[in-house]
Amino acid sequence: MKKILIVLFLIASLSVLGANSQSSVNMGDYYIVDVNLMTEYSKEKTEFKNKYIALSEKNDKKNLIELLKKYIEKYPDDSYAYEEIGTDYLSLDNLKEAEKYYLKAIELGNNDTGLYSLALIYGDEDSLKLLNLTPDEKKAKIKISEKYKKQLSDDGFTHGKLRELREHKQIAMFGNAYSIYKLAVHYHGVKNYKLSEKYARQFLEFDKENSDIINILAEDLFGQHKYTEAEKLLLPFAQKGKQNEQYLLAISYYYQNKLDEAEKWAKKVLETAKKDNDADNIKIVNHLLDEIKNK
């Protein structure tokens, strides 16, 4: 029953997504973003960004590592920052520390660029020597490298795609709105709901009522069974009469077994759909109402 509802709310949400800006860039299926966001950065991260750029221009890896360690004290869930630290340690031939931080990045959900960085270490003969492994440990690392590379290849990743993704992660770490938006859309698309939620929440700091991101974040929360959080997110927008948020709110109540509330909000959506003579949404909401009655 839940699978059916997930498919339905995705259809419903896509049917009502739209954009108001005239200067926008196509972001793929259904998503667009204002190009002005490319130059918009979080003021909170200005000092960090400036220090990072200055140290990078000097190629000062040791101080970059220290700067990034202070950064993760403040933003401990930024998986890419751990990958950056690992890469900086790698440039200093400190393979043990590089491996440690890559593993932490993967643990936090960085299952693409972080995974690839670790696979490169485990697949490189010189790197394996620096890790001081036994023959059996070496074989195990090589197998892991092959496994990760195959996994990434099967998922459609190329070196170029991984490089582009890493670039957006770095710019997002500086607080760039455009890259944060792109990453929210990307991770939502590959169903990495944990990272998508992180970037979606960051983007709402720039635009608290962005309908695309509200929709993405709600679906991310559903994907992680965080139904009460989804309710809290959606209720203010539903109360303003936003049809898509009303529909998603009805589903959040359905999952919480608050069936009277679920029915109430679904009927509000149905009423609007009938006024608009929207046959697709009428069909979708009626199906939801049937599910509510039969639960």
Protein backbone atom coordinates (compact mmCIF):
# COMPACT_ATOMS: atom_id res chain seq x y z
CA MET A 1 0.00 0.00 0.00
CA LYS A 2 2.77 2.47 0.87
CA LYS A 3 4.56 1.88 -2.45
CA ILE A 4 1.42 2.85 -4.34
CA LEU A 5 1.11 6.05 -2.35
CA ILE A 6 4.72 7.04 -2.94
CA VAL A 7 4.30 6.68 -6.69
CA LEU A 8 1.08 8.67 -6.54
CA PHE A 9 2.43 11.60 -4.59
CA LEU A 10 5.41 11.83 -6.92
CA ILE A 11 3.05 12.06 -9.86
CA ALA A 12 0.93 14.61 -8.07
CA SER A 13 3.85 16.76 -7.02
CA LEU A 14 5.36 16.78 -10.48
CA SER A 15 2.06 17.83 -11.99
CA VAL A 16 1.98 21.05 -10.00
CA LEU A 17 5.66 22.06 -9.98
CA GLY A 18 6.37 25.37 -11.65
CA ALA A 19 8.69 28.34 -11.77
CA ASN A 20 8.15 32.07 -11.54
CA SER A 21 11.57 33.37 -12.58
CA GLN A 22 12.17 34.41 -16.19
CA SER A 23 15.94 33.95 -15.89
CA SER A 24 16.35 30.28 -15.12
CA VAL A 25 18.37 27.25 -16.10
CA ASN A 26 16.91 23.84 -16.87
CA MET A 27 18.05 21.47 -14.14
CA GLY A 28 16.70 18.26 -15.66
CA ASP A 29 13.30 16.70 -15.23
CA TYR A 30 10.88 19.31 -13.88
CA TYR A 31 13.43 21.32 -11.90
CA ILE A 32 14.67 24.81 -12.73
CA VAL A 33 16.68 27.32 -10.76
CA ASP A 34 17.25 31.06 -10.97
CA VAL A 35 20.68 31.76 -12.50
CA ASN A 36 21.20 34.58 -9.98
CA LEU A 37 21.80 31.87 -7.36
CA MET A 38 25.13 31.07 -9.04
CA THR A 39 26.68 34.12 -7.40
CA GLU A 40 24.81 33.95 -4.10
CA TYR A 41 26.72 32.67 -1.07
CA SER A 42 25.88 32.17 2.57
CA LYS A 43 27.25 35.07 4.61
CA GLU A 44 27.85 32.62 7.45
CA LYS A 45 30.60 30.90 5.43
CA THR A 46 32.30 33.98 3.94
CA GLU A 47 35.27 33.91 6.31
CA PHE A 48 35.80 30.18 5.80
CA LYS A 49 35.56 30.55 2.00
CA ASN A 50 38.11 33.38 1.89
CA LYS A 51 40.59 31.52 4.13
CA TYR A 52 40.18 28.33 2.12
CA ILE A 53 40.86 30.10 -1.19
CA ALA A 54 43.90 31.90 0.21
CA LEU A 55 45.43 28.69 1.57
CA SER A 56 44.67 26.82 -1.65
CA GLU A 57 46.44 29.48 -3.71
CA LYS A 58 49.51 28.95 -1.50
CA ASN A 59 49.08 25.16 -1.73
CA ASP A 60 49.32 25.13 2.07
CA LYS A 61 47.91 21.67 2.71
CA LYS A 62 48.76 21.50 6.40
CA ASN A 63 46.88 24.66 7.25
CA LEU A 64 44.06 23.68 4.91
CA ILE A 65 43.66 20.50 6.94
CA GLU A 66 43.52 22.50 10.14
CA LEU A 67 40.97 24.90 8.64
CA LEU A 68 38.79 21.99 7.49
CA LYS A 69 39.02 20.29 10.88
CA LYS A 70 37.67 23.46 12.48
CA TYR A 71 34.98 23.49 9.80
CA ILE A 72 33.76 19.97 10.61
CA GLU A 73 33.61 20.88 14.28
CA LYS A 74 30.91 23.36 13.27
CA TYR A 75 29.41 21.28 10.42
CA PRO A 76 29.97 17.65 11.45
CA ASP A 77 27.50 16.28 8.89
CA ASP A 78 29.27 17.74 5.83
CA SER A 79 30.52 14.47 4.34
CA TYR A 80 32.44 16.21 1.58
CA ALA A 81 34.60 18.15 4.07
CA TYR A 82 35.90 14.81 5.38
CA GLU A 83 36.71 13.76 1.83
CA GLU A 84 38.60 17.04 1.33
CA ILE A 85 40.65 16.38 4.46
CA GLY A 86 41.40 12.88 3.20
CA THR A 87 42.56 14.25 -0.14
CA ASP A 88 44.80 16.81 1.53
CA TYR A 89 46.36 14.07 3.67
CA LEU A 90 46.82 12.00 0.52
CA SER A 91 48.80 14.85 -1.08
CA LEU A 92 51.09 14.72 1.98
CA ASP A 93 51.50 10.92 1.55
CA ASN A 94 49.73 10.30 4.85
CA LEU A 95 47.69 7.36 3.60
CA LYS A 96 46.47 6.23 7.02
CA GLU A 97 44.81 9.57 7.74
CA ALA A 98 43.52 9.83 4.17
CA GLU A 99 41.89 6.41 4.49
CA LYS A 100 40.37 7.33 7.87
CA TYR A 101 38.72 10.49 6.57
CA TYR A 102 37.50 8.85 3.35
CA LEU A 103 35.86 6.13 5.42
CA LYS A 104 34.18 8.78 7.58
CA ALA A 105 32.92 10.58 4.47
CA ILE A 106 31.38 7.33 3.20
CA GLU A 107 29.84 6.64 6.60
CA LEU A 108 28.07 10.02 6.35
CA GLY A 109 26.55 9.11 2.97
CA ASN A 110 29.26 10.18 0.52
CA ASN A 111 28.82 7.05 -1.59
CA ASP A 112 30.05 8.49 -4.87
CA THR A 113 33.08 10.82 -4.84
CA GLY A 114 34.18 9.60 -1.39
CA LEU A 115 33.81 6.00 -2.50
CA TYR A 116 35.82 6.71 -5.64
CA SER A 117 38.61 8.42 -3.70
CA LEU A 118 38.95 5.40 -1.42
CA ALA A 119 38.82 3.02 -4.39
CA LEU A 120 41.74 4.86 -6.00
CA ILE A 121 43.87 4.39 -2.88
CA TYR A 122 43.02 0.69 -2.60
CA GLY A 123 43.68 0.16 -6.29
CA ASP A 124 47.07 1.87 -6.38
CA GLU A 125 50.19 -0.23 -5.75
CA ASP A 126 52.27 2.62 -4.32
CA SER A 127 49.47 3.69 -1.98
CA LEU A 128 49.05 0.15 -0.69
CA LYS A 129 52.74 0.03 0.13
CA LEU A 130 52.42 3.15 2.26
CA LEU A 131 49.61 1.50 4.23
CA ASN A 132 52.01 -1.24 5.39
CA LEU A 133 49.55 -4.08 4.78
CA THR A 134 49.99 -7.80 5.06
CA PRO A 135 49.57 -9.75 1.78
CA ASP A 136 46.06 -10.83 2.81
CA GLU A 137 45.10 -7.27 3.78
CA LYS A 138 46.43 -6.02 0.45
CA LYS A 139 44.31 -8.53 -1.47
CA ALA A 140 41.25 -7.52 0.52
CA LYS A 141 41.80 -3.82 -0.26
CA ILE A 142 42.21 -4.55 -3.98
CA LYS A 143 38.94 -6.48 -3.96
CA ILE A 144 37.21 -3.57 -2.26
CA SER A 145 38.62 -1.19 -4.88
CA GLU A 146 37.31 -3.36 -7.72
CA LYS A 147 33.93 -3.68 -6.03
CA TYR A 148 33.56 0.09 -5.52
CA LYS A 149 34.66 0.92 -9.07
CA LYS A 150 32.17 -1.58 -10.50
CA GLN A 151 29.43 -0.22 -8.26
CA LEU A 152 30.08 3.34 -9.45
CA SER A 153 30.26 2.23 -13.08
CA ASP A 154 27.00 0.32 -12.77
CA ASP A 155 25.39 3.44 -11.30
CA GLY A 156 26.40 5.39 -14.41
CA PHE A 157 29.25 7.39 -12.93
CA THR A 158 32.18 8.40 -15.12
CA HIS A 159 35.35 10.20 -14.09
CA GLY A 160 33.93 13.38 -15.60
CA LYS A 161 30.63 13.12 -13.73
CA LEU A 162 32.41 12.46 -10.46
CA ARG A 163 34.69 15.45 -11.03
CA GLU A 164 31.68 17.71 -11.71
CA LEU A 165 29.90 16.39 -8.63
CA ARG A 166 32.99 16.98 -6.49
CA GLU A 167 33.24 20.56 -7.78
CA HIS A 168 29.65 21.26 -6.78
CA LYS A 169 30.27 19.73 -3.35
CA GLN A 170 33.26 22.00 -2.83
CA ILE A 171 31.37 25.13 -3.89
CA ALA A 172 28.39 24.08 -1.76
CA MET A 173 30.79 23.79 1.17
CA PHE A 174 31.52 27.50 0.59
CA GLY A 175 27.77 28.14 0.86
CA ASN A 176 26.89 28.65 -2.82
CA ALA A 177 23.11 28.52 -3.36
CA TYR A 178 23.24 27.17 -6.93
CA SER A 179 25.48 24.21 -6.11
CA ILE A 180 23.45 23.44 -2.99
CA TYR A 181 20.30 23.36 -5.12
CA LYS A 182 21.91 21.11 -7.73
CA LEU A 183 23.10 18.67 -5.07
CA ALA A 184 19.67 18.51 -3.43
CA VAL A 185 18.13 17.66 -6.81
CA HIS A 186 20.87 15.16 -7.66
CA TYR A 187 20.76 13.23 -4.39
CA HIS A 188 16.99 13.21 -4.41
CA GLY A 189 17.09 11.71 -7.89
CA VAL A 190 19.41 8.87 -6.82
CA LYS A 191 17.36 8.33 -3.63
CA ASN A 192 20.16 9.30 -1.27
CA TYR A 193 17.56 10.93 0.95
CA LYS A 194 19.97 11.69 3.78
CA LEU A 195 22.23 13.91 1.67
CA SER A 196 19.32 15.34 -0.30
CA GLU A 197 17.65 16.39 2.96
CA LYS A 198 20.87 18.06 4.11
CA TYR A 199 21.25 20.13 0.95
CA ALA A 200 17.52 20.88 0.68
CA ARG A 201 17.50 22.30 4.21
CA GLN A 202 20.56 24.39 3.39
CA PHE A 203 18.87 25.81 0.31
CA LEU A 204 15.80 26.86 2.31
CA GLU A 205 18.08 29.32 4.09
CA PHE A 206 18.17 31.21 0.77
CA ASP A 207 14.54 30.74 -0.25
CA LYS A 208 12.24 29.55 2.54
CA GLU A 209 9.24 29.02 0.26
CA ASN A 210 10.84 27.46 -2.80
CA SER A 211 8.18 24.96 -3.90
CA ASP A 212 10.59 22.61 -5.67
CA ILE A 213 12.81 22.27 -2.61
CA ILE A 214 9.86 21.99 -0.22
CA ASN A 215 8.60 19.14 -2.39
CA ILE A 216 12.02 17.47 -2.50
CA LEU A 217 12.53 17.80 1.24
CA ALA A 218 9.08 16.37 2.02
CA GLU A 219 9.79 13.36 -0.20
CA ASP A 220 13.22 12.95 1.41
CA LEU A 221 11.56 12.83 4.82
CA PHE A 222 9.01 10.29 3.61
CA GLY A 223 11.86 8.19 2.22
CA GLN A 224 13.41 8.13 5.71
CA HIS A 225 10.04 7.54 7.47
CA LYS A 226 10.27 10.95 9.17
CA TYR A 227 6.55 11.58 8.88
CA THR A 228 6.12 13.94 11.83
CA GLU A 229 8.97 16.11 10.50
CA ALA A 230 7.26 16.16 7.11
CA GLU A 231 4.02 17.24 8.78
CA LYS A 232 5.80 20.11 10.56
CA LEU A 233 7.39 21.20 7.27
CA LEU A 234 4.22 21.03 5.18
CA LEU A 235 1.51 22.33 7.50
CA PRO A 236 2.28 26.08 7.21
CA PHE A 237 2.24 25.87 3.40
CA ALA A 238 -0.87 23.71 3.34
CA GLN A 239 -2.64 26.26 5.53
CA LYS A 240 -1.80 28.91 2.91
CA GLY A 241 -3.75 26.86 0.38
CA LYS A 242 -0.85 25.34 -1.56
CA GLN A 243 -2.30 22.28 -3.26
CA ASN A 244 0.84 20.19 -3.56
CA GLU A 245 1.75 20.69 0.09
CA GLN A 246 -1.81 19.85 1.10
CA TYR A 247 -1.59 16.56 -0.77
CA LEU A 248 1.76 15.67 0.78
CA LEU A 249 0.47 16.67 4.20
CA ALA A 250 -2.47 14.28 3.74
CA ILE A 251 0.02 11.51 3.04
CA SER A 252 2.09 12.39 6.11
CA TYR A 253 -1.05 12.03 8.23
CA TYR A 254 -1.90 8.77 6.46
CA TYR A 255 1.49 7.29 7.39
CA GLN A 256 0.96 8.40 11.01
CA ASN A 257 -2.51 6.77 11.06
CA LYS A 258 -4.13 10.16 11.63
CA LEU A 259 -6.78 9.22 9.11
CA ASP A 260 -9.29 11.98 9.89
CA GLU A 261 -6.63 14.63 9.24
CA ALA A 262 -5.45 12.77 6.15
CA GLU A 263 -9.00 12.71 4.76
CA LYS A 264 -9.59 16.38 5.60
CA TRP A 265 -6.57 17.59 3.66
CA ALA A 266 -7.08 15.18 0.77
CA LYS A 267 -10.61 16.53 0.36
CA LYS A 268 -9.26 20.09 0.24
CA VAL A 269 -6.99 19.07 -2.64
CA LEU A 270 -9.89 17.31 -4.35
CA GLU A 271 -12.04 20.41 -4.08
CA THR A 272 -9.36 22.53 -5.78
CA ALA A 273 -8.74 19.90 -8.45
CA LYS A 274 -12.45 19.84 -9.28
CA LYS A 275 -12.57 23.62 -9.55
CA ASP A 276 -9.60 23.49 -11.91
CA ASN A 277 -11.16 20.59 -13.81
CA ASP A 278 -7.85 18.73 -13.36
CA ALA A 279 -8.77 15.15 -14.24
CA ASP A 280 -5.33 13.69 -13.40
CA ASN A 281 -5.23 15.14 -9.89
CA ILE A 282 -8.87 14.25 -9.27
CA LYS A 283 -8.03 10.64 -10.07
CA ILE A 284 -4.91 10.68 -7.88
CA VAL A 285 -6.63 12.22 -4.86
CA ASN A 286 -9.63 9.92 -5.15
CA HIS A 287 -7.24 6.99 -5.06
CA LEU A 288 -5.64 8.39 -1.92
CA LEU A 289 -9.06 8.81 -0.33
CA ASP A 290 -9.84 5.17 -1.14
CA GLU A 291 -6.60 4.13 0.53
CA ILE A 292 -7.46 6.18 3.61
CA LYS A 293 -10.93 4.62 3.87
CA ASN A 294 -9.58 1.09 3.43
CA LYS A 295 -6.71 1.39 5.93
